[in-house]
């Protein structure tokens, strides 16, 4: 049985905690920079796709920052050398399936409950407008397969690989479970503060970030936040 001295020796100190948090913040900011660079690179490509297939071009145009996120994640994994988050790609358990199903719904209900309260603190949020993706895909059946591939197999994995697979891992070396979930969620919201703009975006996406970070923390399965994230896009975001 370990002594208190042993426990203290293995517990991260203030310096390690600062270094881990600073590293996670740096990765988040690097993701923001890469996201803006990605906009410049992929937007013309999406425009070319839209010229040939307007409906598909409109769909992918909503995912201009994710390639940059994926590039940062892959670069970090290559630099680490001893870490591969793909080891945490597994078939979801029953709990994982519950997270996948309920996390998007819980977030949407929370966002709808919070939105009417925002004017009290001088903020406003118009919410989503337009046809949600699942309806749009049903209205254009030729988009169903490529649309699901883009969301579930390409864009959500890129984003979650960075924010759960990489940022969460960086926090995990110096923080406990609750700290990883809360700080990881806040950094996810911080990214949206820069990318989307506004305190409302920070608030709402932090809530979503906490939910998906909790799903990853509980299941240790990267598939769970990926599917929950893409599921939210499919169910609640417009085309």
C-alpha atoms as a PDB file:
ATOM      1  CA  UNK A   1       0.000   0.000   0.000  1.00  0.00           C
ATOM      2  CA  UNK A   2       1.456   3.397  -0.999  1.00  0.00           C
ATOM      3  CA  UNK A   3       2.170   6.033   1.611  1.00  0.00           C
ATOM      4  CA  UNK A   4       1.057   9.654   1.490  1.00  0.00           C
ATOM      5  CA  UNK A   5       4.638  10.531   0.584  1.00  0.00           C
ATOM      6  CA  UNK A   6       4.444   8.201  -2.411  1.00  0.00           C
ATOM      7  CA  UNK A   7       1.145   9.747  -3.475  1.00  0.00           C
ATOM      8  CA  UNK A   8       2.554  13.256  -3.181  1.00  0.00           C
ATOM      9  CA  UNK A   9       5.598  12.244  -5.202  1.00  0.00           C
ATOM     10  CA  UNK A  10       3.379  11.048  -8.072  1.00  0.00           C
ATOM     11  CA  UNK A  11       0.807  13.858  -7.867  1.00  0.00           C
ATOM     12  CA  UNK A  12       1.412  16.681 -10.340  1.00  0.00           C
ATOM     13  CA  UNK A  13       2.583  19.902  -8.750  1.00  0.00           C
ATOM     14  CA  UNK A  14       1.719  23.482  -9.649  1.00  0.00           C
ATOM     15  CA  UNK A  15       4.478  23.610 -12.257  1.00  0.00           C
ATOM     16  CA  UNK A  16       3.302  20.436 -14.008  1.00  0.00           C
ATOM     17  CA  UNK A  17      -0.303  21.618 -13.854  1.00  0.00           C
ATOM     18  CA  UNK A  18       0.649  24.938 -15.438  1.00  0.00           C
ATOM     19  CA  UNK A  19       2.705  23.251 -18.127  1.00  0.00           C
ATOM     20  CA  UNK A  20      -0.074  20.825 -19.008  1.00  0.00           C
ATOM     21  CA  UNK A  21      -2.695  23.579 -19.148  1.00  0.00           C
ATOM     22  CA  UNK A  22      -0.403  25.870 -21.140  1.00  0.00           C
ATOM     23  CA  UNK A  23       0.287  23.045 -23.573  1.00  0.00           C
ATOM     24  CA  UNK A  24      -3.435  22.421 -24.060  1.00  0.00           C
ATOM     25  CA  UNK A  25      -4.103  26.147 -24.558  1.00  0.00           C
ATOM     26  CA  UNK A  26      -1.271  26.325 -27.090  1.00  0.00           C
ATOM     27  CA  UNK A  27      -2.749  23.399 -29.014  1.00  0.00           C
ATOM     28  CA  UNK A  28      -6.166  25.066 -28.982  1.00  0.00           C
ATOM     29  CA  UNK A  29      -4.685  28.308 -30.322  1.00  0.00           C
ATOM     30  CA  UNK A  30      -2.679  26.419 -32.914  1.00  0.00           C
ATOM     31  CA  UNK A  31      -5.918  24.775 -33.956  1.00  0.00           C
ATOM     32  CA  UNK A  32      -7.527  28.204 -34.336  1.00  0.00           C
ATOM     33  CA  UNK A  33      -4.665  29.425 -36.544  1.00  0.00           C
ATOM     34  CA  UNK A  34      -4.793  26.231 -38.598  1.00  0.00           C
ATOM     35  CA  UNK A  35      -8.573  26.596 -38.863  1.00  0.00           C
ATOM     36  CA  UNK A  36      -8.285  30.070 -40.359  1.00  0.00           C
ATOM     37  CA  UNK A  37      -5.544  28.850 -42.714  1.00  0.00           C
ATOM     38  CA  UNK A  38      -7.808  25.977 -43.687  1.00  0.00           C
ATOM     39  CA  UNK A  39     -10.539  28.436 -44.634  1.00  0.00           C
ATOM     40  CA  UNK A  40      -8.187  30.104 -47.107  1.00  0.00           C
ATOM     41  CA  UNK A  41      -7.090  26.794 -48.609  1.00  0.00           C
ATOM     42  CA  UNK A  42     -10.260  24.724 -48.781  1.00  0.00           C
ATOM     43  CA  UNK A  43     -12.844  27.417 -49.557  1.00  0.00           C
ATOM     44  CA  UNK A  44     -11.727  27.679 -53.216  1.00  0.00           C
ATOM     45  CA  UNK A  45     -11.781  23.876 -53.443  1.00  0.00           C
ATOM     46  CA  UNK A  46     -15.293  23.752 -52.048  1.00  0.00           C
ATOM     47  CA  UNK A  47     -16.243  26.499 -54.482  1.00  0.00           C
ATOM     48  CA  UNK A  48     -15.014  24.347 -57.352  1.00  0.00           C
ATOM     49  CA  UNK A  49     -17.030  21.416 -56.031  1.00  0.00           C
ATOM     50  CA  UNK A  50     -20.085  23.656 -55.747  1.00  0.00           C
ATOM     51  CA  UNK A  51     -19.748  24.649 -59.377  1.00  0.00           C
ATOM     52  CA  UNK A  52     -20.161  21.010 -60.418  1.00  0.00           C
ATOM     53  CA  UNK A  53     -22.528  19.929 -57.642  1.00  0.00           C
ATOM     54  CA  UNK A  54     -24.121  22.953 -55.922  1.00  0.00           C
ATOM     55  CA  UNK A  55     -25.992  21.032 -53.221  1.00  0.00           C
ATOM     56  CA  UNK A  56     -22.907  19.119 -52.088  1.00  0.00           C
ATOM     57  CA  UNK A  57     -20.786  22.247 -52.281  1.00  0.00           C
ATOM     58  CA  UNK A  58     -23.252  23.996 -49.964  1.00  0.00           C
ATOM     59  CA  UNK A  59     -23.077  21.117 -47.499  1.00  0.00           C
ATOM     60  CA  UNK A  60     -19.276  20.878 -47.298  1.00  0.00           C
ATOM     61  CA  UNK A  61     -18.946  24.656 -47.126  1.00  0.00           C
ATOM     62  CA  UNK A  62     -19.991  24.392 -43.484  1.00  0.00           C
ATOM     63  CA  UNK A  63     -16.827  22.452 -42.681  1.00  0.00           C
ATOM     64  CA  UNK A  64     -13.951  24.690 -43.697  1.00  0.00           C
ATOM     65  CA  UNK A  65     -11.980  24.684 -40.426  1.00  0.00           C
ATOM     66  CA  UNK A  66     -11.941  20.962 -39.651  1.00  0.00           C
ATOM     67  CA  UNK A  67      -9.128  20.071 -42.102  1.00  0.00           C
ATOM     68  CA  UNK A  68      -6.883  22.494 -40.238  1.00  0.00           C
ATOM     69  CA  UNK A  69      -7.812  20.885 -36.918  1.00  0.00           C
ATOM     70  CA  UNK A  70      -6.999  17.475 -38.331  1.00  0.00           C
ATOM     71  CA  UNK A  71      -3.617  18.655 -39.556  1.00  0.00           C
ATOM     72  CA  UNK A  72      -2.672  19.963 -36.096  1.00  0.00           C
ATOM     73  CA  UNK A  73      -3.802  16.706 -34.471  1.00  0.00           C
ATOM     74  CA  UNK A  74      -1.789  14.560 -36.887  1.00  0.00           C
ATOM     75  CA  UNK A  75       1.253  16.804 -36.412  1.00  0.00           C
ATOM     76  CA  UNK A  76       1.015  16.481 -32.631  1.00  0.00           C
ATOM     77  CA  UNK A  77       0.683  12.699 -32.806  1.00  0.00           C
ATOM     78  CA  UNK A  78       3.705  12.516 -35.116  1.00  0.00           C
ATOM     79  CA  UNK A  79       5.698  14.797 -32.801  1.00  0.00           C
ATOM     80  CA  UNK A  80       4.819  12.790 -29.689  1.00  0.00           C
ATOM     81  CA  UNK A  81       5.752   9.521 -31.304  1.00  0.00           C
ATOM     82  CA  UNK A  82       4.620   7.469 -28.293  1.00  0.00           C
ATOM     83  CA  UNK A  83       0.914   8.331 -28.409  1.00  0.00           C
ATOM     84  CA  UNK A  84      -1.767   7.175 -30.790  1.00  0.00           C
ATOM     85  CA  UNK A  85      -5.361   8.170 -29.938  1.00  0.00           C
ATOM     86  CA  UNK A  86      -6.577   5.740 -32.588  1.00  0.00           C
ATOM     87  CA  UNK A  87      -5.923   3.059 -29.976  1.00  0.00           C
ATOM     88  CA  UNK A  88      -9.098   4.411 -28.407  1.00  0.00           C
ATOM     89  CA  UNK A  89     -11.239   3.742 -31.455  1.00  0.00           C
ATOM     90  CA  UNK A  90     -13.518   0.924 -30.342  1.00  0.00           C
ATOM     91  CA  UNK A  91     -17.031  -0.387 -30.790  1.00  0.00           C
ATOM     92  CA  UNK A  92     -19.197   1.683 -28.406  1.00  0.00           C
ATOM     93  CA  UNK A  93     -20.537   0.017 -25.285  1.00  0.00           C
ATOM     94  CA  UNK A  94     -24.117   0.427 -24.118  1.00  0.00           C
ATOM     95  CA  UNK A  95     -23.036   3.475 -22.112  1.00  0.00           C
ATOM     96  CA  UNK A  96     -21.246   4.820 -25.162  1.00  0.00           C
ATOM     97  CA  UNK A  97     -24.365   4.424 -27.281  1.00  0.00           C
ATOM     98  CA  UNK A  98     -26.325   6.295 -24.611  1.00  0.00           C
ATOM     99  CA  UNK A  99     -23.835   9.178 -24.739  1.00  0.00           C
ATOM    100  CA  UNK A 100     -24.017   9.231 -28.537  1.00  0.00           C
ATOM    101  CA  UNK A 101     -27.794   9.383 -28.458  1.00  0.00           C
ATOM    102  CA  UNK A 102     -28.412  11.712 -25.546  1.00  0.00           C
ATOM    103  CA  UNK A 103     -25.498  14.189 -25.580  1.00  0.00           C
ATOM    104  CA  UNK A 104     -26.716  16.049 -28.709  1.00  0.00           C
ATOM    105  CA  UNK A 105     -30.278  16.129 -27.392  1.00  0.00           C
ATOM    106  CA  UNK A 106     -29.260  17.301 -23.912  1.00  0.00           C
ATOM    107  CA  UNK A 107     -27.136  20.040 -25.430  1.00  0.00           C
ATOM    108  CA  UNK A 108     -29.893  21.233 -27.747  1.00  0.00           C
ATOM    109  CA  UNK A 109     -32.414  21.328 -24.901  1.00  0.00           C
ATOM    110  CA  UNK A 110     -29.922  23.202 -22.720  1.00  0.00           C
ATOM    111  CA  UNK A 111     -29.192  25.713 -25.493  1.00  0.00           C
ATOM    112  CA  UNK A 112     -32.912  26.310 -25.996  1.00  0.00           C
ATOM    113  CA  UNK A 113     -33.381  26.813 -22.252  1.00  0.00           C
ATOM    114  CA  UNK A 114     -30.430  29.219 -21.988  1.00  0.00           C
ATOM    115  CA  UNK A 115     -31.193  31.295 -25.094  1.00  0.00           C
ATOM    116  CA  UNK A 116     -34.249  33.146 -23.658  1.00  0.00           C
ATOM    117  CA  UNK A 117     -32.175  34.120 -20.599  1.00  0.00           C
ATOM    118  CA  UNK A 118     -29.354  35.709 -22.586  1.00  0.00           C
ATOM    119  CA  UNK A 119     -30.998  39.170 -22.961  1.00  0.00           C
ATOM    120  CA  UNK A 120     -30.947  39.464 -19.170  1.00  0.00           C
ATOM    121  CA  UNK A 121     -27.142  39.723 -19.333  1.00  0.00           C
ATOM    122  CA  UNK A 122     -27.158  41.796 -22.503  1.00  0.00           C
ATOM    123  CA  UNK A 123     -26.566  38.975 -24.991  1.00  0.00           C
ATOM    124  CA  UNK A 124     -28.684  37.515 -27.750  1.00  0.00           C
ATOM    125  CA  UNK A 125     -28.657  34.403 -29.859  1.00  0.00           C
ATOM    126  CA  UNK A 126     -30.873  33.848 -32.850  1.00  0.00           C
ATOM    127  CA  UNK A 127     -30.521  30.084 -32.856  1.00  0.00           C
ATOM    128  CA  UNK A 128     -30.415  27.954 -35.956  1.00  0.00           C
ATOM    129  CA  UNK A 129     -32.350  28.864 -39.066  1.00  0.00           C
ATOM    130  CA  UNK A 130     -32.975  26.969 -42.254  1.00  0.00           C
ATOM    131  CA  UNK A 131     -33.606  23.324 -43.022  1.00  0.00           C
ATOM    132  CA  UNK A 132     -31.798  20.990 -40.637  1.00  0.00           C
ATOM    133  CA  UNK A 133     -29.410  18.574 -42.271  1.00  0.00           C
ATOM    134  CA  UNK A 134     -31.376  15.368 -41.862  1.00  0.00           C
ATOM    135  CA  UNK A 135     -34.362  16.948 -43.584  1.00  0.00           C
ATOM    136  CA  UNK A 136     -32.146  18.404 -46.269  1.00  0.00           C
ATOM    137  CA  UNK A 137     -30.593  15.006 -46.918  1.00  0.00           C
ATOM    138  CA  UNK A 138     -34.007  13.374 -47.179  1.00  0.00           C
ATOM    139  CA  UNK A 139     -35.106  16.070 -49.607  1.00  0.00           C
ATOM    140  CA  UNK A 140     -32.017  15.364 -51.740  1.00  0.00           C
ATOM    141  CA  UNK A 141     -31.412  11.594 -51.486  1.00  0.00           C
ATOM    142  CA  UNK A 142     -28.305  11.781 -53.667  1.00  0.00           C
ATOM    143  CA  UNK A 143     -26.638  13.667 -50.777  1.00  0.00           C
ATOM    144  CA  UNK A 144     -27.365  11.067 -48.093  1.00  0.00           C
ATOM    145  CA  UNK A 145     -24.297   8.859 -48.505  1.00  0.00           C
ATOM    146  CA  UNK A 146     -21.707  11.585 -49.273  1.00  0.00           C
ATOM    147  CA  UNK A 147     -23.215  13.838 -46.608  1.00  0.00           C
ATOM    148  CA  UNK A 148     -23.010  11.177 -43.901  1.00  0.00           C
ATOM    149  CA  UNK A 149     -19.458  10.289 -44.959  1.00  0.00           C
ATOM    150  CA  UNK A 150     -18.392  13.933 -44.738  1.00  0.00           C
ATOM    151  CA  UNK A 151     -19.905  14.439 -41.279  1.00  0.00           C
ATOM    152  CA  UNK A 152     -19.318  11.100 -39.560  1.00  0.00           C
ATOM    153  CA  UNK A 153     -16.138   9.803 -41.204  1.00  0.00           C
ATOM    154  CA  UNK A 154     -14.169  12.939 -42.103  1.00  0.00           C
ATOM    155  CA  UNK A 155     -15.058  16.230 -40.423  1.00  0.00           C
ATOM    156  CA  UNK A 156     -16.173  15.148 -36.938  1.00  0.00           C
ATOM    157  CA  UNK A 157     -13.166  12.796 -36.602  1.00  0.00           C
ATOM    158  CA  UNK A 158     -10.807  15.655 -37.524  1.00  0.00           C
ATOM    159  CA  UNK A 159     -12.295  17.969 -34.910  1.00  0.00           C
ATOM    160  CA  UNK A 160     -12.589  15.373 -32.178  1.00  0.00           C
ATOM    161  CA  UNK A 161      -9.119  13.992 -32.862  1.00  0.00           C
ATOM    162  CA  UNK A 162      -7.744  17.411 -31.933  1.00  0.00           C
ATOM    163  CA  UNK A 163      -9.988  18.405 -29.035  1.00  0.00           C
ATOM    164  CA  UNK A 164     -10.603  15.056 -27.397  1.00  0.00           C
ATOM    165  CA  UNK A 165      -7.753  12.925 -28.703  1.00  0.00           C
ATOM    166  CA  UNK A 166      -5.006  15.550 -28.349  1.00  0.00           C
ATOM    167  CA  UNK A 167      -6.076  18.430 -26.065  1.00  0.00           C
ATOM    168  CA  UNK A 168      -7.796  16.073 -23.623  1.00  0.00           C
ATOM    169  CA  UNK A 169      -4.693  13.877 -23.570  1.00  0.00           C
ATOM    170  CA  UNK A 170      -2.468  16.873 -22.834  1.00  0.00           C
ATOM    171  CA  UNK A 171      -4.666  17.828 -19.878  1.00  0.00           C
ATOM    172  CA  UNK A 172      -4.856  14.226 -18.761  1.00  0.00           C
ATOM    173  CA  UNK A 173      -1.191  14.097 -17.821  1.00  0.00           C
ATOM    174  CA  UNK A 174      -1.598  16.773 -15.131  1.00  0.00           C
ATOM    175  CA  UNK A 175      -5.306  16.916 -14.208  1.00  0.00           C
ATOM    176  CA  UNK A 176      -7.920  14.686 -12.723  1.00  0.00           C
ATOM    177  CA  UNK A 177     -11.071  13.585 -14.488  1.00  0.00           C
ATOM    178  CA  UNK A 178     -13.204  16.608 -13.577  1.00  0.00           C
ATOM    179  CA  UNK A 179     -10.459  19.038 -14.559  1.00  0.00           C
ATOM    180  CA  UNK A 180      -9.995  17.373 -17.934  1.00  0.00           C
ATOM    181  CA  UNK A 181     -13.718  17.593 -18.666  1.00  0.00           C
ATOM    182  CA  UNK A 182     -14.205  21.193 -17.536  1.00  0.00           C
ATOM    183  CA  UNK A 183     -10.997  22.695 -18.911  1.00  0.00           C
ATOM    184  CA  UNK A 184     -11.256  20.653 -22.102  1.00  0.00           C
ATOM    185  CA  UNK A 185     -14.813  21.882 -22.600  1.00  0.00           C
ATOM    186  CA  UNK A 186     -13.759  25.474 -21.960  1.00  0.00           C
ATOM    187  CA  UNK A 187     -10.933  25.229 -24.490  1.00  0.00           C
ATOM    188  CA  UNK A 188     -13.373  23.812 -27.034  1.00  0.00           C
ATOM    189  CA  UNK A 189     -15.592  26.825 -26.383  1.00  0.00           C
ATOM    190  CA  UNK A 190     -12.564  29.107 -26.570  1.00  0.00           C
ATOM    191  CA  UNK A 191     -11.817  27.844 -30.046  1.00  0.00           C
ATOM    192  CA  UNK A 192     -15.346  28.744 -31.121  1.00  0.00           C
ATOM    193  CA  UNK A 193     -14.947  32.187 -29.560  1.00  0.00           C
ATOM    194  CA  UNK A 194     -12.231  32.865 -32.132  1.00  0.00           C
ATOM    195  CA  UNK A 195     -13.744  30.921 -35.031  1.00  0.00           C
ATOM    196  CA  UNK A 196     -17.425  31.805 -34.618  1.00  0.00           C
ATOM    197  CA  UNK A 197     -17.073  34.996 -32.596  1.00  0.00           C
ATOM    198  CA  UNK A 198     -19.002  36.235 -29.593  1.00  0.00           C
ATOM    199  CA  UNK A 199     -19.528  35.346 -25.952  1.00  0.00           C
ATOM    200  CA  UNK A 200     -22.693  33.413 -26.768  1.00  0.00           C
ATOM    201  CA  UNK A 201     -20.710  31.067 -28.959  1.00  0.00           C
ATOM    202  CA  UNK A 202     -18.185  30.636 -26.139  1.00  0.00           C
ATOM    203  CA  UNK A 203     -20.926  29.846 -23.622  1.00  0.00           C
ATOM    204  CA  UNK A 204     -22.926  27.410 -25.707  1.00  0.00           C
ATOM    205  CA  UNK A 205     -20.046  25.539 -27.277  1.00  0.00           C
ATOM    206  CA  UNK A 206     -18.391  25.204 -23.874  1.00  0.00           C
ATOM    207  CA  UNK A 207     -21.516  23.399 -22.697  1.00  0.00           C
ATOM    208  CA  UNK A 208     -21.319  21.083 -25.682  1.00  0.00           C
ATOM    209  CA  UNK A 209     -17.581  20.647 -25.162  1.00  0.00           C
ATOM    210  CA  UNK A 210     -18.128  19.590 -21.546  1.00  0.00           C
ATOM    211  CA  UNK A 211     -20.731  17.036 -22.621  1.00  0.00           C
ATOM    212  CA  UNK A 212     -18.576  15.384 -25.272  1.00  0.00           C
ATOM    213  CA  UNK A 213     -15.478  15.579 -23.063  1.00  0.00           C
ATOM    214  CA  UNK A 214     -17.458  13.782 -20.345  1.00  0.00           C
ATOM    215  CA  UNK A 215     -18.512  11.147 -22.859  1.00  0.00           C
ATOM    216  CA  UNK A 216     -14.868  10.570 -23.799  1.00  0.00           C
ATOM    217  CA  UNK A 217     -13.716  10.562 -20.194  1.00  0.00           C
ATOM    218  CA  UNK A 218     -16.354   8.017 -19.200  1.00  0.00           C
ATOM    219  CA  UNK A 219     -15.939   5.658 -22.136  1.00  0.00           C
ATOM    220  CA  UNK A 220     -12.277   6.172 -23.148  1.00  0.00           C
ATOM    221  CA  UNK A 221     -13.536   5.630 -26.677  1.00  0.00           C
ATOM    222  CA  UNK A 222     -12.913   8.273 -29.337  1.00  0.00           C
ATOM    223  CA  UNK A 223     -15.790   6.946 -31.423  1.00  0.00           C
ATOM    224  CA  UNK A 224     -18.300   8.208 -28.843  1.00  0.00           C
ATOM    225  CA  UNK A 225     -17.585  11.981 -29.055  1.00  0.00           C
ATOM    226  CA  UNK A 226     -17.121  11.675 -32.825  1.00  0.00           C
ATOM    227  CA  UNK A 227     -20.556  10.123 -33.294  1.00  0.00           C
ATOM    228  CA  UNK A 228     -22.177  12.504 -30.791  1.00  0.00           C
ATOM    229  CA  UNK A 229     -20.643  15.515 -32.546  1.00  0.00           C
ATOM    230  CA  UNK A 230     -21.634  14.393 -36.034  1.00  0.00           C
ATOM    231  CA  UNK A 231     -25.032  13.373 -34.711  1.00  0.00           C
ATOM    232  CA  UNK A 232     -25.605  16.893 -33.453  1.00  0.00           C
ATOM    233  CA  UNK A 233     -24.728  18.308 -36.869  1.00  0.00           C
ATOM    234  CA  UNK A 234     -27.125  15.870 -38.509  1.00  0.00           C
ATOM    235  CA  UNK A 235     -30.051  16.417 -36.158  1.00  0.00           C
ATOM    236  CA  UNK A 236     -29.920  20.102 -35.284  1.00  0.00           C
ATOM    237  CA  UNK A 237     -27.726  22.210 -37.579  1.00  0.00           C
ATOM    238  CA  UNK A 238     -28.948  23.678 -40.871  1.00  0.00           C
ATOM    239  CA  UNK A 239     -27.712  22.790 -44.329  1.00  0.00           C
END
